[in-house]
N, C-alpha and C. Protein backbone atom coordinates (compact mmCIF):
# COMPACT_ATOMS: atom_id res chain seq x y z
N MET A 1 80.46 107.27 107.16
CA MET A 1 80.19 106.38 108.26
C MET A 1 81.22 105.26 108.21
N ALA A 2 81.74 104.87 109.36
CA ALA A 2 82.72 103.79 109.42
C ALA A 2 82.38 102.84 110.57
N VAL A 3 82.58 101.55 110.33
CA VAL A 3 82.41 100.53 111.36
C VAL A 3 83.61 99.60 111.29
N GLU A 4 83.91 98.95 112.40
CA GLU A 4 84.97 97.94 112.39
C GLU A 4 84.31 96.57 112.41
N TYR A 5 84.83 95.68 111.56
CA TYR A 5 84.24 94.36 111.41
C TYR A 5 85.34 93.36 111.09
N ARG A 6 85.52 92.37 111.95
CA ARG A 6 86.53 91.31 111.76
C ARG A 6 87.92 91.86 111.46
N GLY A 7 88.28 92.93 112.12
CA GLY A 7 89.61 93.50 111.95
C GLY A 7 89.73 94.49 110.81
N PHE A 8 88.65 94.74 110.11
CA PHE A 8 88.64 95.70 109.01
C PHE A 8 87.85 96.94 109.41
N ARG A 9 88.29 98.09 108.92
CA ARG A 9 87.49 99.30 109.03
C ARG A 9 86.74 99.43 107.71
N VAL A 10 85.42 99.41 107.79
CA VAL A 10 84.56 99.52 106.61
C VAL A 10 84.02 100.95 106.59
N THR A 11 84.47 101.74 105.62
CA THR A 11 84.05 103.13 105.50
C THR A 11 83.06 103.23 104.34
N VAL A 12 81.86 103.72 104.64
CA VAL A 12 80.78 103.79 103.66
C VAL A 12 80.44 105.25 103.39
N ASP A 13 80.23 105.58 102.11
CA ASP A 13 79.90 106.94 101.72
C ASP A 13 78.88 106.89 100.59
N ALA A 14 78.02 107.90 100.52
CA ALA A 14 77.05 107.99 99.44
C ALA A 14 76.91 109.45 99.01
N LYS A 15 76.71 109.63 97.72
CA LYS A 15 76.46 110.98 97.20
C LYS A 15 75.53 110.84 96.00
N ALA A 16 74.87 111.92 95.67
CA ALA A 16 73.98 111.92 94.51
C ALA A 16 74.81 112.03 93.24
N ASP A 17 74.31 111.42 92.17
CA ASP A 17 75.02 111.54 90.89
C ASP A 17 74.76 112.92 90.28
N ALA A 18 75.35 113.18 89.11
CA ALA A 18 75.25 114.49 88.48
C ALA A 18 73.82 114.86 88.10
N THR A 19 72.99 113.87 87.82
CA THR A 19 71.60 114.14 87.44
C THR A 19 70.65 114.11 88.63
N ASP A 20 71.18 113.81 89.81
CA ASP A 20 70.41 113.74 91.05
C ASP A 20 69.29 112.69 90.99
N THR A 21 69.56 111.59 90.29
CA THR A 21 68.56 110.51 90.20
C THR A 21 69.01 109.23 90.88
N GLN A 22 70.30 109.14 91.22
CA GLN A 22 70.83 107.92 91.84
C GLN A 22 71.73 108.27 93.02
N TRP A 23 71.81 107.32 93.96
CA TRP A 23 72.82 107.38 95.00
C TRP A 23 74.03 106.60 94.51
N LEU A 24 75.18 107.23 94.51
CA LEU A 24 76.43 106.55 94.19
C LEU A 24 77.08 106.19 95.52
N CYS A 25 77.06 104.91 95.85
CA CYS A 25 77.53 104.45 97.15
C CYS A 25 78.84 103.68 97.00
N ARG A 26 79.69 103.84 98.00
CA ARG A 26 81.00 103.17 97.96
C ARG A 26 81.38 102.76 99.38
N ALA A 27 81.94 101.57 99.49
CA ALA A 27 82.48 101.08 100.76
C ALA A 27 83.93 100.67 100.52
N VAL A 28 84.81 101.15 101.40
CA VAL A 28 86.23 100.82 101.33
C VAL A 28 86.58 100.02 102.58
N MET A 29 87.28 98.90 102.40
CA MET A 29 87.66 98.04 103.52
C MET A 29 89.17 98.08 103.71
N GLU A 30 89.59 98.49 104.91
CA GLU A 30 91.01 98.57 105.24
C GLU A 30 91.28 97.68 106.44
N GLY A 31 92.32 96.88 106.38
CA GLY A 31 92.71 96.05 107.51
C GLY A 31 93.33 96.91 108.60
N VAL A 32 92.82 96.81 109.83
CA VAL A 32 93.36 97.59 110.94
C VAL A 32 93.98 96.71 112.02
N ASP A 33 93.60 95.45 112.09
CA ASP A 33 94.21 94.53 113.06
C ASP A 33 95.46 93.91 112.45
N ALA A 34 96.35 93.44 113.29
CA ALA A 34 97.62 92.87 112.84
C ALA A 34 97.41 91.69 111.88
N GLN A 35 96.40 90.87 112.13
CA GLN A 35 96.16 89.69 111.29
C GLN A 35 95.73 90.03 109.88
N VAL A 36 95.11 91.18 109.70
CA VAL A 36 94.53 91.50 108.39
C VAL A 36 95.05 92.79 107.77
N GLU A 37 96.05 93.42 108.39
CA GLU A 37 96.48 94.73 107.90
C GLU A 37 97.08 94.70 106.50
N THR A 38 97.56 93.55 106.03
CA THR A 38 98.12 93.46 104.68
C THR A 38 97.08 93.03 103.65
N ALA A 39 95.88 92.71 104.09
CA ALA A 39 94.83 92.27 103.16
C ALA A 39 94.37 93.42 102.28
N LYS A 40 94.17 93.13 101.03
CA LYS A 40 93.68 94.12 100.07
C LYS A 40 92.36 93.62 99.50
N LEU A 41 91.28 94.20 99.96
CA LEU A 41 89.96 93.84 99.44
C LEU A 41 89.47 94.95 98.51
N PRO A 42 88.84 94.59 97.39
CA PRO A 42 88.34 95.63 96.49
C PRO A 42 87.19 96.39 97.12
N SER A 43 87.05 97.65 96.76
CA SER A 43 85.94 98.44 97.30
C SER A 43 84.64 97.97 96.66
N VAL A 44 83.55 98.25 97.35
CA VAL A 44 82.21 97.91 96.87
C VAL A 44 81.57 99.20 96.37
N GLU A 45 81.07 99.19 95.15
CA GLU A 45 80.42 100.37 94.59
C GLU A 45 79.07 99.97 94.02
N LEU A 46 78.05 100.74 94.38
CA LEU A 46 76.69 100.49 93.90
C LEU A 46 76.05 101.81 93.50
N ALA A 47 75.22 101.77 92.47
CA ALA A 47 74.39 102.91 92.09
C ALA A 47 72.94 102.49 92.34
N ILE A 48 72.25 103.25 93.18
CA ILE A 48 70.90 102.88 93.59
C ILE A 48 69.96 104.03 93.24
N PRO A 49 68.86 103.76 92.52
CA PRO A 49 67.91 104.81 92.16
C PRO A 49 67.33 105.50 93.40
N LYS A 50 67.30 106.82 93.39
CA LYS A 50 66.78 107.59 94.52
C LYS A 50 65.27 107.39 94.70
N LEU A 51 64.56 107.11 93.63
CA LEU A 51 63.12 106.93 93.74
C LEU A 51 62.74 105.67 94.50
N LYS A 52 63.63 104.69 94.53
CA LYS A 52 63.31 103.41 95.15
C LYS A 52 63.77 103.30 96.60
N ILE A 53 64.76 104.09 97.00
CA ILE A 53 65.35 103.88 98.31
C ILE A 53 65.95 105.18 98.84
N ASP A 54 65.86 105.40 100.15
CA ASP A 54 66.45 106.61 100.72
C ASP A 54 67.93 106.38 101.02
N VAL A 55 68.64 107.43 101.38
CA VAL A 55 70.09 107.35 101.53
C VAL A 55 70.51 106.42 102.67
N LEU A 56 69.77 106.39 103.76
CA LEU A 56 70.14 105.52 104.87
C LEU A 56 70.03 104.04 104.49
N MET A 57 69.00 103.71 103.75
CA MET A 57 68.86 102.32 103.29
C MET A 57 69.96 101.99 102.28
N ALA A 58 70.30 102.94 101.42
CA ALA A 58 71.38 102.71 100.45
C ALA A 58 72.70 102.45 101.17
N LEU A 59 72.99 103.25 102.20
CA LEU A 59 74.21 103.05 102.98
C LEU A 59 74.20 101.67 103.64
N SER A 60 73.06 101.27 104.16
CA SER A 60 72.95 99.97 104.81
C SER A 60 73.21 98.83 103.82
N VAL A 61 72.68 98.94 102.62
CA VAL A 61 72.89 97.91 101.60
C VAL A 61 74.37 97.78 101.27
N VAL A 62 75.04 98.91 101.09
CA VAL A 62 76.47 98.89 100.75
C VAL A 62 77.28 98.35 101.92
N GLU A 63 76.93 98.74 103.14
CA GLU A 63 77.65 98.23 104.32
C GLU A 63 77.51 96.72 104.44
N GLN A 64 76.30 96.20 104.25
CA GLN A 64 76.09 94.76 104.35
C GLN A 64 76.82 94.01 103.23
N THR A 65 76.86 94.59 102.04
CA THR A 65 77.60 93.97 100.93
C THR A 65 79.08 93.92 101.24
N ALA A 66 79.61 94.99 101.83
CA ALA A 66 81.03 95.03 102.21
C ALA A 66 81.32 94.01 103.30
N LYS A 67 80.44 93.90 104.29
CA LYS A 67 80.64 92.91 105.36
C LYS A 67 80.61 91.49 104.79
N GLN A 68 79.76 91.26 103.80
CA GLN A 68 79.72 89.95 103.16
C GLN A 68 81.04 89.66 102.45
N ALA A 69 81.63 90.66 101.81
CA ALA A 69 82.94 90.48 101.16
C ALA A 69 84.01 90.16 102.20
N VAL A 70 83.96 90.82 103.36
CA VAL A 70 84.91 90.54 104.44
C VAL A 70 84.71 89.11 104.93
N ASP A 71 83.45 88.70 105.11
CA ASP A 71 83.16 87.33 105.56
C ASP A 71 83.70 86.29 104.57
N GLU A 72 83.51 86.53 103.28
CA GLU A 72 84.01 85.59 102.27
C GLU A 72 85.53 85.50 102.34
N TRP A 73 86.20 86.64 102.47
CA TRP A 73 87.66 86.64 102.59
C TRP A 73 88.08 85.91 103.87
N TRP A 74 87.39 86.21 104.97
CA TRP A 74 87.71 85.63 106.28
C TRP A 74 87.60 84.11 106.24
N HIS A 75 86.51 83.59 105.68
CA HIS A 75 86.31 82.14 105.63
C HIS A 75 87.30 81.47 104.69
N ALA A 76 87.70 82.15 103.63
CA ALA A 76 88.71 81.59 102.72
C ALA A 76 90.08 81.52 103.39
N LYS A 77 90.39 82.46 104.28
CA LYS A 77 91.70 82.52 104.94
C LYS A 77 91.71 81.86 106.31
N GLN A 78 90.58 81.40 106.80
CA GLN A 78 90.48 80.88 108.16
C GLN A 78 91.50 79.80 108.50
N PRO A 79 91.76 78.81 107.66
CA PRO A 79 92.77 77.80 108.03
C PRO A 79 94.15 78.41 108.27
N GLU A 80 94.52 79.44 107.51
CA GLU A 80 95.82 80.09 107.69
C GLU A 80 95.88 80.88 109.00
N MET A 81 94.76 81.46 109.39
CA MET A 81 94.75 82.36 110.53
C MET A 81 94.58 81.63 111.85
N ALA A 82 94.18 80.38 111.82
CA ALA A 82 93.94 79.63 113.06
C ALA A 82 95.23 79.22 113.73
């Protein structure tokens, strides 16, 4: 699943671990707009127990965490970008 947010493409993926007890979730943020295309943000990775949460909720948690990372970067760079 991918969404665009503040000039970044946030791609979220989840898969079961080898023991099938956790969701291994990852979000990758890539700059797609001219203002942010050179930005390098670290990916977000979470392991979430399958017994506590379904895959859609796990994806949502990782997506929101990634958007928060983009927001933090955006607010830190805002004076430069204005």
